[in-house]
Amino acid sequence: MADSINEKKKSDNNKNEQEEPEFNPKVEKIYKTTLRVMSLIIGIAIGAILIFPLFEIRILDIITQHLFRAGLLSLILVIFIEIFANKVKTLLSKTIKV
């Protein structure tokens, strides 16, 4: 009984490995770099949103508004890119023609 369960788990793992296609290292590098840059933008935006309002300067308030919008947009894009990772990587590989 336990052997059949282990075999089923192994076959499920093999199916998952087969469903995920391998991409060119160049595509993977571009994908990871893009996500890291977007994560950096989100981090800077959150830090600025927390710190800039303490100074009570109108220019910093305007900068904070723009950073908030940029951070929110980056966050939404990162979520969509992560959800559709395989499709994004396929699109990247077609775009750079690897």
PDB file of N, CA and C in Angstrom:
ATOM      1  N   MET A   1       0.825  -1.193   0.000  1.00  0.00           N
ATOM      2  CA  MET A   1       0.000   0.000   0.000  1.00  0.00           C
ATOM      3  C   MET A   1       0.871   1.260   0.000  1.00  0.00           C
ATOM      4  N   ALA A   2       1.866   1.281   0.886  1.00  0.00           N
ATOM      5  CA  ALA A   2       2.751   2.442   0.961  1.00  0.00           C
ATOM      6  C   ALA A   2       3.566   2.597  -0.313  1.00  0.00           C
ATOM      7  N   ASP A   3       3.925   1.456  -0.925  1.00  0.00           N
ATOM      8  CA  ASP A   3       4.690   1.516  -2.170  1.00  0.00           C
ATOM      9  C   ASP A   3       3.888   2.158  -3.289  1.00  0.00           C
ATOM     10  N   SER A   4       2.592   1.845  -3.347  1.00  0.00           N
ATOM     11  CA  SER A   4       1.760   2.429  -4.408  1.00  0.00           C
ATOM     12  C   SER A   4       1.601   3.936  -4.210  1.00  0.00           C
ATOM     13  N   ILE A   5       1.534   4.367  -2.955  1.00  0.00           N
ATOM     14  CA  ILE A   5       1.434   5.807  -2.670  1.00  0.00           C
ATOM     15  C   ILE A   5       2.724   6.508  -3.074  1.00  0.00           C
ATOM     16  N   ASN A   6       3.867   5.893  -2.752  1.00  0.00           N
ATOM     17  CA  ASN A   6       5.157   6.485  -3.123  1.00  0.00           C
ATOM     18  C   ASN A   6       5.321   6.558  -4.629  1.00  0.00           C
ATOM     19  N   GLU A   7       4.875   5.514  -5.337  1.00  0.00           N
ATOM     20  CA  GLU A   7       4.962   5.526  -6.795  1.00  0.00           C
ATOM     21  C   GLU A   7       4.078   6.610  -7.392  1.00  0.00           C
ATOM     22  N   LYS A   8       2.898   6.796  -6.791  1.00  0.00           N
ATOM     23  CA  LYS A   8       1.987   7.838  -7.276  1.00  0.00           C
ATOM     24  C   LYS A   8       2.602   9.223  -7.069  1.00  0.00           C
ATOM     25  N   LYS A   9       3.235   9.438  -5.908  1.00  0.00           N
ATOM     26  CA  LYS A   9       3.888  10.723  -5.646  1.00  0.00           C
ATOM     27  C   LYS A   9       5.019  10.968  -6.637  1.00  0.00           C
ATOM     28  N   LYS A  10       5.793   9.925  -6.935  1.00  0.00           N
ATOM     29  CA  LYS A  10       6.886  10.066  -7.896  1.00  0.00           C
ATOM     30  C   LYS A  10       6.365  10.395  -9.282  1.00  0.00           C
ATOM     31  N   SER A  11       5.255   9.747  -9.672  1.00  0.00           N
ATOM     32  CA  SER A  11       4.691  10.035 -10.998  1.00  0.00           C
ATOM     33  C   SER A  11       4.130  11.455 -11.051  1.00  0.00           C
ATOM     34  N   ASP A  12       3.537  11.928  -9.934  1.00  0.00           N
ATOM     35  CA  ASP A  12       3.053  13.313  -9.880  1.00  0.00           C
ATOM     36  C   ASP A  12       4.209  14.295  -9.991  1.00  0.00           C
ATOM     37  N   ASN A  13       5.330  13.990  -9.316  1.00  0.00           N
ATOM     38  CA  ASN A  13       6.504  14.859  -9.399  1.00  0.00           C
ATOM     39  C   ASN A  13       7.063  14.886 -10.814  1.00  0.00           C
ATOM     40  N   ASN A  14       7.072  13.745 -11.490  1.00  0.00           N
ATOM     41  CA  ASN A  14       7.562  13.691 -12.867  1.00  0.00           C
ATOM     42  C   ASN A  14       6.671  14.507 -13.793  1.00  0.00           C
ATOM     43  N   LYS A  15       5.357  14.466 -13.570  1.00  0.00           N
ATOM     44  CA  LYS A  15       4.434  15.260 -14.387  1.00  0.00           C
ATOM     45  C   LYS A  15       4.697  16.749 -14.197  1.00  0.00           C
ATOM     46  N   ASN A  16       4.924  17.170 -12.944  1.00  0.00           N
ATOM     47  CA  ASN A  16       5.202  18.584 -12.672  1.00  0.00           C
ATOM     48  C   ASN A  16       6.498  19.025 -13.331  1.00  0.00           C
ATOM     49  N   GLU A  17       7.509  18.156 -13.318  1.00  0.00           N
ATOM     50  CA  GLU A  17       8.783  18.498 -13.946  1.00  0.00           C
ATOM     51  C   GLU A  17       8.640  18.602 -15.454  1.00  0.00           C
ATOM     52  N   GLN A  18       7.787  17.776 -16.038  1.00  0.00           N
ATOM     53  CA  GLN A  18       7.599  17.802 -17.477  1.00  0.00           C
ATOM     54  C   GLN A  18       6.816  19.029 -17.920  1.00  0.00           C
ATOM     55  N   GLU A  19       5.915  19.536 -17.089  1.00  0.00           N
ATOM     56  CA  GLU A  19       5.087  20.680 -17.447  1.00  0.00           C
ATOM     57  C   GLU A  19       5.881  21.980 -17.479  1.00  0.00           C
ATOM     58  N   GLU A  20       6.940  22.077 -16.693  1.00  0.00           N
ATOM     59  CA  GLU A  20       7.729  23.298 -16.633  1.00  0.00           C
ATOM     60  C   GLU A  20       8.847  23.230 -17.675  1.00  0.00           C
ATOM     61  N   PRO A  21       8.743  24.012 -18.738  1.00  0.00           N
ATOM     62  CA  PRO A  21       9.779  23.960 -19.779  1.00  0.00           C
ATOM     63  C   PRO A  21      11.071  24.630 -19.313  1.00  0.00           C
ATOM     64  N   GLU A  22      12.166  24.197 -19.891  1.00  0.00           N
ATOM     65  CA  GLU A  22      13.470  24.795 -19.607  1.00  0.00           C
ATOM     66  C   GLU A  22      13.670  26.004 -20.516  1.00  0.00           C
ATOM     67  N   PHE A  23      14.178  27.076 -19.941  1.00  0.00           N
ATOM     68  CA  PHE A  23      14.429  28.287 -20.712  1.00  0.00           C
ATOM     69  C   PHE A  23      15.923  28.552 -20.767  1.00  0.00           C
ATOM     70  N   ASN A  24      16.313  29.311 -21.759  1.00  0.00           N
ATOM     71  CA  ASN A  24      17.700  29.693 -21.961  1.00  0.00           C
ATOM     72  C   ASN A  24      18.190  30.477 -20.741  1.00  0.00           C
ATOM     73  N   PRO A  25      19.433  30.282 -20.313  1.00  0.00           N
ATOM     74  CA  PRO A  25      19.958  31.040 -19.167  1.00  0.00           C
ATOM     75  C   PRO A  25      19.890  32.556 -19.366  1.00  0.00           C
ATOM     76  N   LYS A  26      20.006  33.009 -20.606  1.00  0.00           N
ATOM     77  CA  LYS A  26      19.914  34.446 -20.872  1.00  0.00           C
ATOM     78  C   LYS A  26      18.512  34.963 -20.544  1.00  0.00           C
ATOM     79  N   VAL A  27      17.494  34.185 -20.894  1.00  0.00           N
ATOM     80  CA  VAL A  27      16.106  34.556 -20.589  1.00  0.00           C
ATOM     81  C   VAL A  27      15.892  34.567 -19.081  1.00  0.00           C
ATOM     82  N   GLU A  28      16.409  33.545 -18.400  1.00  0.00           N
ATOM     83  CA  GLU A  28      16.281  33.480 -16.940  1.00  0.00           C
ATOM     84  C   GLU A  28      16.961  34.675 -16.274  1.00  0.00           C
ATOM     85  N   LYS A  29      18.135  35.059 -16.792  1.00  0.00           N
ATOM     86  CA  LYS A  29      18.868  36.191 -16.221  1.00  0.00           C
ATOM     87  C   LYS A  29      18.085  37.486 -16.394  1.00  0.00           C
ATOM     88  N   ILE A  30      17.523  37.704 -17.577  1.00  0.00           N
ATOM     89  CA  ILE A  30      16.725  38.913 -17.822  1.00  0.00           C
ATOM     90  C   ILE A  30      15.497  38.925 -16.922  1.00  0.00           C
ATOM     91  N   TYR A  31      14.847  37.771 -16.790  1.00  0.00           N
ATOM     92  CA  TYR A  31      13.645  37.648 -15.960  1.00  0.00           C
ATOM     93  C   TYR A  31      13.960  37.980 -14.502  1.00  0.00           C
ATOM     94  N   LYS A  32      15.020  37.375 -13.970  1.00  0.00           N
ATOM     95  CA  LYS A  32      15.386  37.615 -12.575  1.00  0.00           C
ATOM     96  C   LYS A  32      15.822  39.058 -12.347  1.00  0.00           C
ATOM     97  N   THR A  33      16.578  39.624 -13.279  1.00  0.00           N
ATOM     98  CA  THR A  33      17.023  41.009 -13.147  1.00  0.00           C
ATOM     99  C   THR A  33      15.835  41.962 -13.145  1.00  0.00           C
ATOM    100  N   THR A  34      14.877  41.705 -14.016  1.00  0.00           N
ATOM    101  CA  THR A  34      13.681  42.546 -14.070  1.00  0.00           C
ATOM    102  C   THR A  34      12.933  42.508 -12.747  1.00  0.00           C
ATOM    103  N   LEU A  35      12.749  41.316 -12.193  1.00  0.00           N
ATOM    104  CA  LEU A  35      12.041  41.204 -10.919  1.00  0.00           C
ATOM    105  C   LEU A  35      12.817  41.858  -9.779  1.00  0.00           C
ATOM    106  N   ARG A  36      14.139  41.747  -9.799  1.00  0.00           N
ATOM    107  CA  ARG A  36      14.940  42.374  -8.743  1.00  0.00           C
ATOM    108  C   ARG A  36      14.851  43.900  -8.802  1.00  0.00           C
ATOM    109  N   VAL A  37      14.902  44.450 -10.007  1.00  0.00           N
ATOM    110  CA  VAL A  37      14.802  45.906 -10.160  1.00  0.00           C
ATOM    111  C   VAL A  37      13.430  46.388  -9.703  1.00  0.00           C
ATOM    112  N   MET A  38      12.390  45.661 -10.080  1.00  0.00           N
ATOM    113  CA  MET A  38      11.045  46.062  -9.676  1.00  0.00           C
ATOM    114  C   MET A  38      10.871  45.942  -8.161  1.00  0.00           C
ATOM    115  N   SER A  39      11.468  44.924  -7.553  1.00  0.00           N
ATOM    116  CA  SER A  39      11.418  44.784  -6.101  1.00  0.00           C
ATOM    117  C   SER A  39      12.167  45.925  -5.417  1.00  0.00           C
ATOM    118  N   LEU A  40      13.274  46.353  -6.004  1.00  0.00           N
ATOM    119  CA  LEU A  40      14.020  47.484  -5.470  1.00  0.00           C
ATOM    120  C   LEU A  40      13.182  48.761  -5.526  1.00  0.00           C
ATOM    121  N   ILE A  41      12.478  48.966  -6.626  1.00  0.00           N
ATOM    122  CA  ILE A  41      11.602  50.135  -6.755  1.00  0.00           C
ATOM    123  C   ILE A  41      10.526  50.106  -5.678  1.00  0.00           C
ATOM    124  N   ILE A  42       9.955  48.939  -5.441  1.00  0.00           N
ATOM    125  CA  ILE A  42       8.918  48.810  -4.413  1.00  0.00           C
ATOM    126  C   ILE A  42       9.495  49.144  -3.040  1.00  0.00           C
ATOM    127  N   GLY A  43      10.681  48.631  -2.741  1.00  0.00           N
ATOM    128  CA  GLY A  43      11.307  48.903  -1.447  1.00  0.00           C
ATOM    129  C   GLY A  43      11.623  50.369  -1.240  1.00  0.00           C
ATOM    130  N   ILE A  44      12.154  51.016  -2.264  1.00  0.00           N
ATOM    131  CA  ILE A  44      12.459  52.446  -2.168  1.00  0.00           C
ATOM    132  C   ILE A  44      11.178  53.248  -1.979  1.00  0.00           C
ATOM    133  N   ALA A  45      10.140  52.878  -2.700  1.00  0.00           N
ATOM    134  CA  ALA A  45       8.865  53.592  -2.589  1.00  0.00           C
ATOM    135  C   ALA A  45       8.289  53.457  -1.183  1.00  0.00           C
ATOM    136  N   ILE A  46       8.328  52.257  -0.626  1.00  0.00           N
ATOM    137  CA  ILE A  46       7.787  52.058   0.723  1.00  0.00           C
ATOM    138  C   ILE A  46       8.596  52.847   1.745  1.00  0.00           C
ATOM    139  N   GLY A  47       9.918  52.809   1.624  1.00  0.00           N
ATOM    140  CA  GLY A  47      10.753  53.580   2.549  1.00  0.00           C
ATOM    141  C   GLY A  47      10.494  55.069   2.462  1.00  0.00           C
ATOM    142  N   ALA A  48      10.374  55.580   1.241  1.00  0.00           N
ATOM    143  CA  ALA A  48      10.117  57.008   1.063  1.00  0.00           C
ATOM    144  C   ALA A  48       8.738  57.396   1.576  1.00  0.00           C
ATOM    145  N   ILE A  49       7.756  56.525   1.367  1.00  0.00           N
ATOM    146  CA  ILE A  49       6.401  56.812   1.845  1.00  0.00           C
ATOM    147  C   ILE A  49       6.379  56.897   3.366  1.00  0.00           C
ATOM    148  N   LEU A  50       7.205  56.109   4.027  1.00  0.00           N
ATOM    149  CA  LEU A  50       7.248  56.141   5.485  1.00  0.00           C
ATOM    150  C   LEU A  50       8.034  57.332   6.027  1.00  0.00           C
ATOM    151  N   ILE A  51       9.079  57.759   5.323  1.00  0.00           N
ATOM    152  CA  ILE A  51       9.977  58.785   5.857  1.00  0.00           C
ATOM    153  C   ILE A  51       9.624  60.200   5.396  1.00  0.00           C
ATOM    154  N   PHE A  52       9.321  60.393   4.114  1.00  0.00           N
ATOM    155  CA  PHE A  52       9.124  61.739   3.570  1.00  0.00           C
ATOM    156  C   PHE A  52       8.013  62.546   4.242  1.00  0.00           C
ATOM    157  N   PRO A  53       6.884  61.960   4.618  1.00  0.00           N
ATOM    158  CA  PRO A  53       5.842  62.789   5.251  1.00  0.00           C
ATOM    159  C   PRO A  53       6.267  63.407   6.583  1.00  0.00           C
ATOM    160  N   LEU A  54       7.290  62.874   7.212  1.00  0.00           N
ATOM    161  CA  LEU A  54       7.747  63.413   8.492  1.00  0.00           C
ATOM    162  C   LEU A  54       8.367  64.804   8.350  1.00  0.00           C
ATOM    163  N   PHE A  55       8.849  65.152   7.158  1.00  0.00           N
ATOM    164  CA  PHE A  55       9.506  66.437   6.947  1.00  0.00           C
ATOM    165  C   PHE A  55       8.526  67.579   6.708  1.00  0.00           C
ATOM    166  N   GLU A  56       7.292  67.259   6.309  1.00  0.00           N
ATOM    167  CA  GLU A  56       6.238  68.248   6.068  1.00  0.00           C
ATOM    168  C   GLU A  56       6.673  69.334   5.081  1.00  0.00           C
ATOM    169  N   ILE A  57       7.284  68.922   3.992  1.00  0.00           N
ATOM    170  CA  ILE A  57       7.687  69.828   2.918  1.00  0.00           C
ATOM    171  C   ILE A  57       6.858  69.466   1.688  1.00  0.00           C
ATOM    172  N   ARG A  58       6.305  70.483   1.037  1.00  0.00           N
ATOM    173  CA  ARG A  58       5.384  70.262  -0.081  1.00  0.00           C
ATOM    174  C   ARG A  58       6.036  69.479  -1.231  1.00  0.00           C
ATOM    175  N   ILE A  59       7.276  69.783  -1.550  1.00  0.00           N
ATOM    176  CA  ILE A  59       7.976  69.083  -2.636  1.00  0.00           C
ATOM    177  C   ILE A  59       8.099  67.592  -2.317  1.00  0.00           C
ATOM    178  N   LEU A  60       8.441  67.276  -1.069  1.00  0.00           N
ATOM    179  CA  LEU A  60       8.562  65.873  -0.685  1.00  0.00           C
ATOM    180  C   LEU A  60       7.212  65.165  -0.725  1.00  0.00           C
ATOM    181  N   ASP A  61       6.131  65.898  -0.444  1.00  0.00           N
ATOM    182  CA  ASP A  61       4.795  65.306  -0.556  1.00  0.00           C
ATOM    183  C   ASP A  61       4.478  64.931  -2.000  1.00  0.00           C
ATOM    184  N   ILE A  62       4.861  65.794  -2.931  1.00  0.00           N
ATOM    185  CA  ILE A  62       4.630  65.504  -4.351  1.00  0.00           C
ATOM    186  C   ILE A  62       5.473  64.305  -4.786  1.00  0.00           C
ATOM    187  N   ILE A  63       6.735  64.282  -4.354  1.00  0.00           N
ATOM    188  CA  ILE A  63       7.609  63.149  -4.678  1.00  0.00           C
ATOM    189  C   ILE A  63       7.041  61.860  -4.086  1.00  0.00           C
ATOM    190  N   THR A  64       6.528  61.942  -2.862  1.00  0.00           N
ATOM    191  CA  THR A  64       5.936  60.774  -2.213  1.00  0.00           C
ATOM    192  C   THR A  64       4.744  60.250  -2.992  1.00  0.00           C
ATOM    193  N   GLN A  65       3.911  61.150  -3.511  1.00  0.00           N
ATOM    194  CA  GLN A  65       2.758  60.721  -4.312  1.00  0.00           C
ATOM    195  C   GLN A  65       3.214  59.954  -5.551  1.00  0.00           C
ATOM    196  N   HIS A  66       4.224  60.473  -6.230  1.00  0.00           N
ATOM    197  CA  HIS A  66       4.711  59.808  -7.438  1.00  0.00           C
ATOM    198  C   HIS A  66       5.396  58.480  -7.107  1.00  0.00           C
ATOM    199  N   LEU A  67       6.140  58.444  -6.018  1.00  0.00           N
ATOM    200  CA  LEU A  67       6.773  57.191  -5.610  1.00  0.00           C
ATOM    201  C   LEU A  67       5.732  56.147  -5.215  1.00  0.00           C
ATOM    202  N   PHE A  68       4.656  56.596  -4.575  1.00  0.00           N
ATOM    203  CA  PHE A  68       3.579  55.679  -4.218  1.00  0.00           C
ATOM    204  C   PHE A  68       2.979  55.048  -5.467  1.00  0.00           C
ATOM    205  N   ARG A  69       2.713  55.876  -6.469  1.00  0.00           N
ATOM    206  CA  ARG A  69       2.134  55.357  -7.718  1.00  0.00           C
ATOM    207  C   ARG A  69       3.095  54.400  -8.420  1.00  0.00           C
ATOM    208  N   ALA A  70       4.376  54.765  -8.458  1.00  0.00           N
ATOM    209  CA  ALA A  70       5.369  53.897  -9.103  1.00  0.00           C
ATOM    210  C   ALA A  70       5.512  52.575  -8.342  1.00  0.00           C
ATOM    211  N   GLY A  71       5.528  52.648  -7.025  1.00  0.00           N
ATOM    212  CA  GLY A  71       5.632  51.437  -6.211  1.00  0.00           C
ATOM    213  C   GLY A  71       4.420  50.539  -6.352  1.00  0.00           C
ATOM    214  N   LEU A  72       3.236  51.140  -6.376  1.00  0.00           N
ATOM    215  CA  LEU A  72       2.012  50.362  -6.533  1.00  0.00           C
ATOM    216  C   LEU A  72       1.956  49.698  -7.905  1.00  0.00           C
ATOM    217  N   LEU A  73       2.328  50.443  -8.938  1.00  0.00           N
ATOM    218  CA  LEU A  73       2.362  49.886 -10.291  1.00  0.00           C
ATOM    219  C   LEU A  73       3.370  48.734 -10.382  1.00  0.00           C
ATOM    220  N   SER A  74       4.541  48.916  -9.789  1.00  0.00           N
ATOM    221  CA  SER A  74       5.554  47.856  -9.800  1.00  0.00           C
ATOM    222  C   SER A  74       5.065  46.619  -9.048  1.00  0.00           C
ATOM    223  N   LEU A  75       4.392  46.830  -7.940  1.00  0.00           N
ATOM    224  CA  LEU A  75       3.871  45.708  -7.166  1.00  0.00           C
ATOM    225  C   LEU A  75       2.845  44.913  -7.965  1.00  0.00           C
ATOM    226  N   ILE A  76       1.937  45.610  -8.627  1.00  0.00           N
ATOM    227  CA  ILE A  76       0.929  44.940  -9.451  1.00  0.00           C
ATOM    228  C   ILE A  76       1.592  44.182 -10.602  1.00  0.00           C
ATOM    229  N   LEU A  77       2.583  44.802 -11.238  1.00  0.00           N
ATOM    230  CA  LEU A  77       3.283  44.138 -12.342  1.00  0.00           C
ATOM    231  C   LEU A  77       4.048  42.902 -11.873  1.00  0.00           C
ATOM    232  N   VAL A  78       4.689  42.989 -10.718  1.00  0.00           N
ATOM    233  CA  VAL A  78       5.422  41.836 -10.186  1.00  0.00           C
ATOM    234  C   VAL A  78       4.457  40.686  -9.917  1.00  0.00           C
ATOM    235  N   ILE A  79       3.293  40.993  -9.365  1.00  0.00           N
ATOM    236  CA  ILE A  79       2.304  39.948  -9.093  1.00  0.00           C
ATOM    237  C   ILE A  79       1.878  39.266 -10.385  1.00  0.00           C
ATOM    238  N   PHE A  80       1.560  40.053 -11.414  1.00  0.00           N
ATOM    239  CA  PHE A  80       1.143  39.461 -12.684  1.00  0.00           C
ATOM    240  C   PHE A  80       2.275  38.690 -13.356  1.00  0.00           C
ATOM    241  N   ILE A  81       3.487  39.214 -13.276  1.00  0.00           N
ATOM    242  CA  ILE A  81       4.629  38.518 -13.878  1.00  0.00           C
ATOM    243  C   ILE A  81       4.862  37.179 -13.181  1.00  0.00           C
ATOM    244  N   GLU A  82       4.721  37.142 -11.863  1.00  0.00           N
ATOM    245  CA  GLU A  82       4.905  35.893 -11.132  1.00  0.00           C
ATOM    246  C   GLU A  82       3.789  34.894 -11.432  1.00  0.00           C
ATOM    247  N   ILE A  83       2.566  35.383 -11.585  1.00  0.00           N
ATOM    248  CA  ILE A  83       1.448  34.483 -11.888  1.00  0.00           C
ATOM    249  C   ILE A  83       1.636  33.844 -13.260  1.00  0.00           C
ATOM    250  N   PHE A  84       2.019  34.648 -14.233  1.00  0.00           N
ATOM    251  CA  PHE A  84       2.173  34.167 -15.606  1.00  0.00           C
ATOM    252  C   PHE A  84       3.649  34.031 -15.980  1.00  0.00           C
ATOM    253  N   ALA A  85       4.444  33.441 -15.101  1.00  0.00           N
ATOM    254  CA  ALA A  85       5.897  33.371 -15.292  1.00  0.00           C
ATOM    255  C   ALA A  85       6.287  32.639 -16.571  1.00  0.00           C
ATOM    256  N   ASN A  86       5.682  31.488 -16.820  1.00  0.00           N
ATOM    257  CA  ASN A  86       6.066  30.722 -18.019  1.00  0.00           C
ATOM    258  C   ASN A  86       5.725  31.476 -19.294  1.00  0.00           C
ATOM    259  N   LYS A  87       4.579  32.131 -19.314  1.00  0.00           N
ATOM    260  CA  LYS A  87       4.192  32.887 -20.506  1.00  0.00           C
ATOM    261  C   LYS A  87       5.112  34.090 -20.714  1.00  0.00           C
ATOM    262  N   VAL A  88       5.496  34.728 -19.616  1.00  0.00           N
ATOM    263  CA  VAL A  88       6.400  35.876 -19.715  1.00  0.00           C
ATOM    264  C   VAL A  88       7.768  35.426 -20.221  1.00  0.00           C
ATOM    265  N   LYS A  89       8.250  34.304 -19.709  1.00  0.00           N
ATOM    266  CA  LYS A  89       9.546  33.793 -20.159  1.00  0.00           C
ATOM    267  C   LYS A  89       9.495  33.382 -21.628  1.00  0.00           C
ATOM    268  N   THR A  90       8.375  32.793 -22.045  1.00  0.00           N
ATOM    269  CA  THR A  90       8.218  32.435 -23.458  1.00  0.00           C
ATOM    270  C   THR A  90       8.227  33.682 -24.323  1.00  0.00           C
ATOM    271  N   LEU A  91       7.526  34.711 -23.882  1.00  0.00           N
ATOM    272  CA  LEU A  91       7.504  35.980 -24.614  1.00  0.00           C
ATOM    273  C   LEU A  91       8.901  36.590 -24.684  1.00  0.00           C
ATOM    274  N   LEU A  92       9.638  36.528 -23.582  1.00  0.00           N
ATOM    275  CA  LEU A  92      11.016  37.033 -23.572  1.00  0.00           C
ATOM    276  C   LEU A  92      11.894  36.262 -24.548  1.00  0.00           C
ATOM    277  N   SER A  93      11.758  34.949 -24.548  1.00  0.00           N
ATOM    278  CA  SER A  93      12.600  34.150 -25.449  1.00  0.00           C
ATOM    279  C   SER A  93      12.268  34.428 -26.910  1.00  0.00           C
ATOM    280  N   LYS A  94      11.003  34.696 -27.219  1.00  0.00           N
ATOM    281  CA  LYS A  94      10.631  35.047 -28.593  1.00  0.00           C
ATOM    282  C   LYS A  94      11.136  36.442 -28.946  1.00  0.00           C
ATOM    283  N   THR A  95      11.095  37.352 -27.975  1.00  0.00           N
ATOM    284  CA  THR A  95      11.505  38.733 -28.219  1.00  0.00           C
ATOM    285  C   THR A  95      13.003  38.834 -28.484  1.00  0.00           C
ATOM    286  N   ILE A  96      13.803  38.149 -27.671  1.00  0.00           N
ATOM    287  CA  ILE A  96      15.251  38.241 -27.861  1.00  0.00           C
ATOM    288  C   ILE A  96      15.763  37.190 -28.836  1.00  0.00           C
ATOM    289  N   LYS A  97      14.886  36.318 -29.299  1.00  0.00           N
ATOM    290  CA  LYS A  97      15.191  35.303 -30.320  1.00  0.00           C
ATOM    291  C   LYS A  97      16.410  34.474 -29.963  1.00  0.00           C
ATOM    292  N   VAL A  98      16.282  33.791 -28.840  1.00  0.00           N
ATOM    293  CA  VAL A  98      17.365  32.923 -28.373  1.00  0.00           C
ATOM    294  C   VAL A  98      17.219  31.564 -29.002  1.00  0.00           C
TER     295      VAL A  98
END
